[in-house]
PDB file of N, CA and C in Angstrom:
ATOM      1  N   MET A   1       0.656  -1.308   0.247  1.00  0.00           N
ATOM      2  CA  MET A   1       0.186   0.031   0.017  1.00  0.00           C
ATOM      3  C   MET A   1       0.848   1.367  -0.044  1.00  0.00           C
ATOM      4  N   THR A   2       0.624   2.091  -0.634  1.00  0.00           N
ATOM      5  CA  THR A   2       1.255   3.794  -0.596  1.00  0.00           C
ATOM      6  C   THR A   2       0.926   4.165   0.271  1.00  0.00           C
ATOM      7  N   GLU A   3       1.967   5.462   0.319  1.00  0.00           N
ATOM      8  CA  GLU A   3       1.286   6.616   1.508  1.00  0.00           C
ATOM      9  C   GLU A   3      -0.165   7.312   1.335  1.00  0.00           C
ATOM     10  N   SER A   4      -0.101   6.708   0.153  1.00  0.00           N
ATOM     11  CA  SER A   4      -1.446   8.009  -0.404  1.00  0.00           C
ATOM     12  C   SER A   4      -2.612   7.403  -0.553  1.00  0.00           C
ATOM     13  N   ASN A   5      -2.605   5.652  -0.100  1.00  0.00           N
ATOM     14  CA  ASN A   5      -3.573   4.737  -0.266  1.00  0.00           C
ATOM     15  C   ASN A   5      -3.842   4.363   1.047  1.00  0.00           C
ATOM     16  N   MET A   6      -3.146   4.977   2.327  1.00  0.00           N
ATOM     17  CA  MET A   6      -2.913   4.437   3.974  1.00  0.00           C
ATOM     18  C   MET A   6      -4.010   5.094   4.438  1.00  0.00           C
ATOM     19  N   PRO A   7      -5.103   4.384   4.962  1.00  0.00           N
ATOM     20  CA  PRO A   7      -5.977   5.054   5.930  1.00  0.00           C
ATOM     21  C   PRO A   7      -5.259   6.373   6.586  1.00  0.00           C
ATOM     22  N   SER A   8      -6.015   6.805   6.766  1.00  0.00           N
ATOM     23  CA  SER A   8      -5.669   8.269   8.016  1.00  0.00           C
ATOM     24  C   SER A   8      -5.756   8.413   9.357  1.00  0.00           C
ATOM     25  N   ASN A   9      -5.640   8.656  10.070  1.00  0.00           N
ATOM     26  CA  ASN A   9      -6.615   8.154  11.362  1.00  0.00           C
ATOM     27  C   ASN A   9      -6.664  10.115  12.069  1.00  0.00           C
ATOM     28  N   ASP A  10      -5.664  10.885  10.791  1.00  0.00           N
ATOM     29  CA  ASP A  10      -6.601  12.670  10.964  1.00  0.00           C
ATOM     30  C   ASP A  10      -7.647  12.614  10.428  1.00  0.00           C
ATOM     31  N   VAL A  11      -8.859  13.699  11.220  1.00  0.00           N
ATOM     32  CA  VAL A  11      -9.899  13.850  10.504  1.00  0.00           C
ATOM     33  C   VAL A  11     -10.008  15.479  10.828  1.00  0.00           C
ATOM     34  N   ILE A  12     -10.747  16.728  10.222  1.00  0.00           N
ATOM     35  CA  ILE A  12     -11.509  17.040   9.700  1.00  0.00           C
ATOM     36  C   ILE A  12     -12.646  17.178  10.030  1.00  0.00           C
ATOM     37  N   GLY A  13     -13.295  18.328  10.567  1.00  0.00           N
ATOM     38  CA  GLY A  13     -14.274  18.299  10.129  1.00  0.00           C
ATOM     39  C   GLY A  13     -15.314  18.554  12.158  1.00  0.00           C
ATOM     40  N   ALA A  14     -16.678  18.878  11.816  1.00  0.00           N
ATOM     41  CA  ALA A  14     -16.790  18.974  13.135  1.00  0.00           C
ATOM     42  C   ALA A  14     -16.799  17.432  14.621  1.00  0.00           C
ATOM     43  N   GLY A  15     -16.820  16.598  13.325  1.00  0.00           N
ATOM     44  CA  GLY A  15     -16.142  15.495  14.443  1.00  0.00           C
ATOM     45  C   GLY A  15     -14.594  15.446  14.912  1.00  0.00           C
ATOM     46  N   ALA A  16     -13.835  16.747  14.527  1.00  0.00           N
ATOM     47  CA  ALA A  16     -12.306  16.553  14.837  1.00  0.00           C
ATOM     48  C   ALA A  16     -11.966  16.541  16.452  1.00  0.00           C
ATOM     49  N   PRO A  17     -11.568  16.155  17.277  1.00  0.00           N
ATOM     50  CA  PRO A  17     -11.184  16.583  18.887  1.00  0.00           C
ATOM     51  C   PRO A  17     -10.676  17.877  18.490  1.00  0.00           C
ATOM     52  N   GLY A  18     -10.758  18.692  19.703  1.00  0.00           N
ATOM     53  CA  GLY A  18     -10.334  20.438  19.664  1.00  0.00           C
ATOM     54  C   GLY A  18     -10.960  21.075  18.254  1.00  0.00           C
ATOM     55  N   ASN A  19     -11.415  20.885  17.069  1.00  0.00           N
ATOM     56  CA  ASN A  19     -11.338  21.298  15.811  1.00  0.00           C
ATOM     57  C   ASN A  19     -12.806  22.242  15.982  1.00  0.00           C
ATOM     58  N   SER A  20     -12.782  23.219  15.801  1.00  0.00           N
ATOM     59  CA  SER A  20     -13.939  24.137  15.887  1.00  0.00           C
ATOM     60  C   SER A  20     -13.930  24.692  14.200  1.00  0.00           C
ATOM     61  N   THR A  21     -15.413  25.122  14.091  1.00  0.00           N
ATOM     62  CA  THR A  21     -15.008  26.105  12.447  1.00  0.00           C
ATOM     63  C   THR A  21     -16.041  27.120  12.775  1.00  0.00           C
ATOM     64  N   GLU A  22     -15.837  27.770  13.941  1.00  0.00           N
ATOM     65  CA  GLU A  22     -15.671  29.288  14.478  1.00  0.00           C
ATOM     66  C   GLU A  22     -14.290  29.733  14.878  1.00  0.00           C
ATOM     67  N   LYS A  23     -14.076  30.821  13.903  1.00  0.00           N
ATOM     68  CA  LYS A  23     -13.376  31.381  14.974  1.00  0.00           C
ATOM     69  C   LYS A  23     -13.535  32.671  15.582  1.00  0.00           C
ATOM     70  N   ASP A  24     -13.010  32.864  16.410  1.00  0.00           N
ATOM     71  CA  ASP A  24     -12.856  34.386  16.753  1.00  0.00           C
ATOM     72  C   ASP A  24     -12.793  35.529  15.710  1.00  0.00           C
ATOM     73  N   PRO A  25     -13.663  36.187  15.166  1.00  0.00           N
ATOM     74  CA  PRO A  25     -13.850  37.493  14.537  1.00  0.00           C
ATOM     75  C   PRO A  25     -12.464  38.039  14.310  1.00  0.00           C
ATOM     76  N   GLU A  26     -11.700  38.392  15.768  1.00  0.00           N
ATOM     77  CA  GLU A  26     -10.805  39.217  16.670  1.00  0.00           C
ATOM     78  C   GLU A  26     -10.001  38.730  15.779  1.00  0.00           C
ATOM     79  N   ASP A  27      -9.999  37.133  15.193  1.00  0.00           N
ATOM     80  CA  ASP A  27      -8.846  36.385  15.481  1.00  0.00           C
ATOM     81  C   ASP A  27      -8.375  36.389  13.189  1.00  0.00           C
ATOM     82  N   TRP A  28      -9.850  36.630  12.681  1.00  0.00           N
ATOM     83  CA  TRP A  28     -10.225  36.519  11.065  1.00  0.00           C
ATOM     84  C   TRP A  28      -9.023  37.770  10.050  1.00  0.00           C
ATOM     85  N   VAL A  29      -8.458  37.333   9.358  1.00  0.00           N
ATOM     86  CA  VAL A  29      -7.127  37.480   8.836  1.00  0.00           C
ATOM     87  C   VAL A  29      -7.561  38.668   7.644  1.00  0.00           C
ATOM     88  N   THR A  30      -8.887  38.918   7.475  1.00  0.00           N
ATOM     89  CA  THR A  30      -9.416  39.339   6.866  1.00  0.00           C
ATOM     90  C   THR A  30     -10.354  40.417   8.234  1.00  0.00           C
ATOM     91  N   GLY A  31     -10.444  40.269   9.345  1.00  0.00           N
ATOM     92  CA  GLY A  31     -12.109  41.455  10.241  1.00  0.00           C
ATOM     93  C   GLY A  31     -11.412  42.807   9.858  1.00  0.00           C
ATOM     94  N   ASP A  32     -10.435  42.631   9.752  1.00  0.00           N
ATOM     95  CA  ASP A  32     -11.112  44.407   9.660  1.00  0.00           C
ATOM     96  C   ASP A  32     -11.392  45.207   7.916  1.00  0.00           C
ATOM     97  N   GLU A  33     -11.341  44.017   7.154  1.00  0.00           N
ATOM     98  CA  GLU A  33     -12.076  45.197   5.611  1.00  0.00           C
ATOM     99  C   GLU A  33     -12.872  45.518   6.679  1.00  0.00           C
ATOM    100  N   PRO A  34     -14.099  45.947   5.458  1.00  0.00           N
ATOM    101  CA  PRO A  34     -15.525  46.573   5.795  1.00  0.00           C
ATOM    102  C   PRO A  34     -16.285  45.555   5.787  1.00  0.00           C
ATOM    103  N   MET A  35     -17.057  45.432   6.146  1.00  0.00           N
ATOM    104  CA  MET A  35     -18.752  44.292   6.383  1.00  0.00           C
ATOM    105  C   MET A  35     -18.464  44.215   4.637  1.00  0.00           C
ATOM    106  N   THR A  36     -19.432  42.718   4.156  1.00  0.00           N
ATOM    107  CA  THR A  36     -19.659  43.184   3.355  1.00  0.00           C
ATOM    108  C   THR A  36     -21.430  42.796   2.987  1.00  0.00           C
ATOM    109  N   GLY A  37     -21.287  42.834   1.458  1.00  0.00           N
ATOM    110  CA  GLY A  37     -23.235  43.486   1.677  1.00  0.00           C
ATOM    111  C   GLY A  37     -24.270  42.807   2.082  1.00  0.00           C
ATOM    112  N   ALA A  38     -23.998  41.748   1.971  1.00  0.00           N
ATOM    113  CA  ALA A  38     -24.673  40.435   2.814  1.00  0.00           C
ATOM    114  C   ALA A  38     -24.712  40.857   4.524  1.00  0.00           C
ATOM    115  N   GLN A  39     -23.433  40.427   4.850  1.00  0.00           N
ATOM    116  CA  GLN A  39     -24.217  41.559   6.294  1.00  0.00           C
ATOM    117  C   GLN A  39     -24.860  42.834   6.316  1.00  0.00           C
ATOM    118  N   ARG A  40     -23.974  43.550   5.791  1.00  0.00           N
ATOM    119  CA  ARG A  40     -24.793  44.869   6.003  1.00  0.00           C
ATOM    120  C   ARG A  40     -26.167  44.740   5.894  1.00  0.00           C
ATOM    121  N   SER A  41     -26.456  43.856   4.383  1.00  0.00           N
ATOM    122  CA  SER A  41     -28.652  43.624   4.584  1.00  0.00           C
ATOM    123  C   SER A  41     -28.825  42.811   5.907  1.00  0.00           C
ATOM    124  N   TYR A  42     -28.059  42.081   6.240  1.00  0.00           N
ATOM    125  CA  TYR A  42     -29.309  41.455   7.370  1.00  0.00           C
ATOM    126  C   TYR A  42     -28.579  41.918   8.898  1.00  0.00           C
ATOM    127  N   LEU A  43     -27.525  43.143   8.746  1.00  0.00           N
ATOM    128  CA  LEU A  43     -27.460  44.162  10.155  1.00  0.00           C
ATOM    129  C   LEU A  43     -28.635  44.804   9.772  1.00  0.00           C
ATOM    130  N   GLU A  44     -28.779  45.283   8.771  1.00  0.00           N
ATOM    131  CA  GLU A  44     -30.198  46.726   8.979  1.00  0.00           C
ATOM    132  C   GLU A  44     -31.339  45.777   8.935  1.00  0.00           C
ATOM    133  N   THR A  45     -31.955  44.633   8.764  1.00  0.00           N
ATOM    134  CA  THR A  45     -32.827  43.883   9.138  1.00  0.00           C
ATOM    135  C   THR A  45     -33.230  43.724  10.561  1.00  0.00           C
ATOM    136  N   LEU A  46     -32.088  43.598  11.325  1.00  0.00           N
ATOM    137  CA  LEU A  46     -32.016  43.030  12.798  1.00  0.00           C
ATOM    138  C   LEU A  46     -31.738  43.798  13.548  1.00  0.00           C
ATOM    139  N   ALA A  47     -31.105  44.928  12.914  1.00  0.00           N
ATOM    140  CA  ALA A  47     -30.748  46.336  13.923  1.00  0.00           C
ATOM    141  C   ALA A  47     -32.215  46.869  13.407  1.00  0.00           C
ATOM    142  N   ARG A  48     -32.899  46.758  12.636  1.00  0.00           N
ATOM    143  CA  ARG A  48     -34.473  47.344  12.700  1.00  0.00           C
ATOM    144  C   ARG A  48     -35.219  46.591  13.612  1.00  0.00           C
ATOM    145  N   GLU A  49     -35.654  45.615  13.627  1.00  0.00           N
ATOM    146  CA  GLU A  49     -35.945  44.570  14.144  1.00  0.00           C
ATOM    147  C   GLU A  49     -36.407  44.986  15.960  1.00  0.00           C
ATOM    148  N   ALA A  50     -34.654  45.078  16.269  1.00  0.00           N
ATOM    149  CA  ALA A  50     -33.948  45.536  17.826  1.00  0.00           C
ATOM    150  C   ALA A  50     -34.715  47.038  17.934  1.00  0.00           C
ATOM    151  N   GLY A  51     -34.378  47.489  17.262  1.00  0.00           N
ATOM    152  CA  GLY A  51     -34.687  49.392  17.756  1.00  0.00           C
ATOM    153  C   GLY A  51     -33.726  49.451  17.889  1.00  0.00           C
ATOM    154  N   GLU A  52     -32.541  49.423  16.600  1.00  0.00           N
ATOM    155  CA  GLU A  52     -31.091  50.025  17.278  1.00  0.00           C
ATOM    156  C   GLU A  52     -30.787  50.272  16.058  1.00  0.00           C
ATOM    157  N   THR A  53     -29.604  51.703  16.461  1.00  0.00           N
ATOM    158  CA  THR A  53     -29.331  51.767  14.945  1.00  0.00           C
ATOM    159  C   THR A  53     -27.396  51.504  14.954  1.00  0.00           C
ATOM    160  N   LEU A  54     -26.843  51.722  13.821  1.00  0.00           N
ATOM    161  CA  LEU A  54     -25.379  50.859  13.635  1.00  0.00           C
ATOM    162  C   LEU A  54     -24.753  51.709  13.103  1.00  0.00           C
ATOM    163  N   SER A  55     -23.566  52.155  13.124  1.00  0.00           N
ATOM    164  CA  SER A  55     -22.903  52.589  12.061  1.00  0.00           C
ATOM    165  C   SER A  55     -22.855  51.625  11.119  1.00  0.00           C
ATOM    166  N   ALA A  56     -22.054  52.669   9.598  1.00  0.00           N
ATOM    167  CA  ALA A  56     -22.336  51.561   8.685  1.00  0.00           C
ATOM    168  C   ALA A  56     -21.043  51.608   8.052  1.00  0.00           C
ATOM    169  N   ASP A  57     -19.843  51.570   8.986  1.00  0.00           N
ATOM    170  CA  ASP A  57     -18.674  51.535   8.812  1.00  0.00           C
ATOM    171  C   ASP A  57     -18.154  51.037   9.639  1.00  0.00           C
ATOM    172  N   LEU A  58     -18.776  49.794  10.274  1.00  0.00           N
ATOM    173  CA  LEU A  58     -18.291  48.021  10.518  1.00  0.00           C
ATOM    174  C   LEU A  58     -17.602  47.916  10.063  1.00  0.00           C
ATOM    175  N   THR A  59     -16.364  46.769  10.140  1.00  0.00           N
ATOM    176  CA  THR A  59     -15.744  46.200   9.571  1.00  0.00           C
ATOM    177  C   THR A  59     -16.079  44.631   9.244  1.00  0.00           C
ATOM    178  N   LYS A  60     -16.094  43.831   8.801  1.00  0.00           N
ATOM    179  CA  LYS A  60     -16.289  42.286   8.873  1.00  0.00           C
ATOM    180  C   LYS A  60     -16.452  41.426  10.228  1.00  0.00           C
ATOM    181  N   ALA A  61     -15.612  41.967  11.148  1.00  0.00           N
ATOM    182  CA  ALA A  61     -15.852  41.346  12.641  1.00  0.00           C
ATOM    183  C   ALA A  61     -16.710  41.800  13.198  1.00  0.00           C
ATOM    184  N   GLU A  62     -16.767  43.405  13.847  1.00  0.00           N
ATOM    185  CA  GLU A  62     -17.864  44.065  14.005  1.00  0.00           C
ATOM    186  C   GLU A  62     -18.881  43.627  13.917  1.00  0.00           C
ATOM    187  N   ALA A  63     -19.225  43.718  12.465  1.00  0.00           N
ATOM    188  CA  ALA A  63     -20.337  43.028  11.946  1.00  0.00           C
ATOM    189  C   ALA A  63     -20.674  41.897  12.503  1.00  0.00           C
ATOM    190  N   SER A  64     -19.780  40.961  12.508  1.00  0.00           N
ATOM    191  CA  SER A  64     -19.858  39.752  12.495  1.00  0.00           C
ATOM    192  C   SER A  64     -20.766  39.438  14.256  1.00  0.00           C
ATOM    193  N   GLU A  65     -20.042  40.326  15.015  1.00  0.00           N
ATOM    194  CA  GLU A  65     -20.792  40.310  16.372  1.00  0.00           C
ATOM    195  C   GLU A  65     -21.505  40.851  16.637  1.00  0.00           C
ATOM    196  N   HIS A  66     -21.857  42.162  15.884  1.00  0.00           N
ATOM    197  CA  HIS A  66     -23.610  42.828  16.429  1.00  0.00           C
ATOM    198  C   HIS A  66     -24.158  41.835  15.498  1.00  0.00           C
ATOM    199  N   ILE A  67     -24.262  40.916  14.579  1.00  0.00           N
ATOM    200  CA  ILE A  67     -25.119  39.697  14.302  1.00  0.00           C
ATOM    201  C   ILE A  67     -25.834  38.907  15.282  1.00  0.00           C
ATOM    202  N   ASP A  68     -24.545  38.178  15.659  1.00  0.00           N
ATOM    203  CA  ASP A  68     -24.640  37.548  17.138  1.00  0.00           C
ATOM    204  C   ASP A  68     -25.252  37.698  17.898  1.00  0.00           C
ATOM    205  N   ARG A  69     -25.077  39.590  18.298  1.00  0.00           N
ATOM    206  CA  ARG A  69     -25.631  39.539  19.735  1.00  0.00           C
ATOM    207  C   ARG A  69     -26.579  39.967  18.782  1.00  0.00           C
ATOM    208  N   LEU A  70     -27.521  40.282  17.824  1.00  0.00           N
ATOM    209  CA  LEU A  70     -28.854  40.842  17.320  1.00  0.00           C
ATOM    210  C   LEU A  70     -29.717  39.557  17.048  1.00  0.00           C
ATOM    211  N   GLN A  71     -28.876  38.829  16.982  1.00  0.00           N
ATOM    212  CA  GLN A  71     -29.588  37.833  16.560  1.00  0.00           C
ATOM    213  C   GLN A  71     -30.484  37.357  17.625  1.00  0.00           C
ATOM    214  N   THR A  72     -29.410  37.143  18.975  1.00  0.00           N
ATOM    215  CA  THR A  72     -30.371  36.502  20.213  1.00  0.00           C
ATOM    216  C   THR A  72     -31.090  37.334  20.880  1.00  0.00           C
ATOM    217  N   ALA A  73     -31.102  38.823  20.405  1.00  0.00           N
ATOM    218  CA  ALA A  73     -31.995  39.475  20.452  1.00  0.00           C
ATOM    219  C   ALA A  73     -33.540  39.987  20.263  1.00  0.00           C
ATOM    220  N   THR A  74     -32.885  39.217  19.141  1.00  0.00           N
ATOM    221  CA  THR A  74     -34.675  39.416  18.465  1.00  0.00           C
ATOM    222  C   THR A  74     -35.061  38.071  18.398  1.00  0.00           C
ATOM    223  N   GLY A  75     -34.552  36.613  18.692  1.00  0.00           N
ATOM    224  CA  GLY A  75     -34.793  35.801  18.787  1.00  0.00           C
ATOM    225  C   GLY A  75     -34.925  35.175  17.042  1.00  0.00           C
ATOM    226  N   ARG A  76     -33.874  35.165  16.431  1.00  0.00           N
ATOM    227  CA  ARG A  76     -33.632  34.356  14.898  1.00  0.00           C
ATOM    228  C   ARG A  76     -31.882  34.020  15.486  1.00  0.00           C
ATOM    229  N   GLY A  77     -31.790  33.276  14.314  1.00  0.00           N
ATOM    230  CA  GLY A  77     -30.380  32.283  14.285  1.00  0.00           C
ATOM    231  C   GLY A  77     -30.553  30.548  14.933  1.00  0.00           C
ATOM    232  N   GLY A  78     -29.663  30.174  13.930  1.00  0.00           N
ATOM    233  CA  GLY A  78     -29.412  29.200  14.215  1.00  0.00           C
ATOM    234  C   GLY A  78     -29.740  27.705  16.215  1.00  0.00           C
ATOM    235  N   ALA A  79     -29.857  28.247  17.070  1.00  0.00           N
ATOM    236  CA  ALA A  79     -29.492  27.762  18.138  1.00  0.00           C
ATOM    237  C   ALA A  79     -31.109  28.027  18.790  1.00  0.00           C
ATOM    238  N   GLN A  80     -32.504  28.404  17.745  1.00  0.00           N
ATOM    239  CA  GLN A  80     -33.383  28.405  17.865  1.00  0.00           C
ATOM    240  C   GLN A  80     -34.134  26.753  18.500  1.00  0.00           C
ATOM    241  N   SER A  81     -34.843  26.355  19.567  1.00  0.00           N
ATOM    242  CA  SER A  81     -36.102  25.361  19.253  1.00  0.00           C
ATOM    243  C   SER A  81     -36.857  25.132  18.366  1.00  0.00           C
ATOM    244  N   ALA A  82     -37.458  23.892  17.723  1.00  0.00           N
ATOM    245  CA  ALA A  82     -38.379  24.153  16.411  1.00  0.00           C
ATOM    246  C   ALA A  82     -39.358  23.367  17.525  1.00  0.00           C
ATOM    247  N   GLU A  83     -40.517  23.948  17.488  1.00  0.00           N
ATOM    248  CA  GLU A  83     -42.161  23.547  18.264  1.00  0.00           C
ATOM    249  C   GLU A  83     -42.781  23.440  17.025  1.00  0.00           C
TER     250      GLU A  83
END
């Protein structure tokens, strides 16, 4: 069996021990870049629902942090339980 055909004990993805698909926005390489259009659009919706006003010149990392916070405040987001 050649090296490329040998089974590997290494794993990637959600089941990998100590592996997280979530990275702290402060550690993002592109975190200091302006927020994306998608982030801006979603933040506009979330901020309106939460009754908040946000700066329009957020970075990607700042936008991500606001999205997480506002998803919780508005009841949006993936951690909701299905009824």
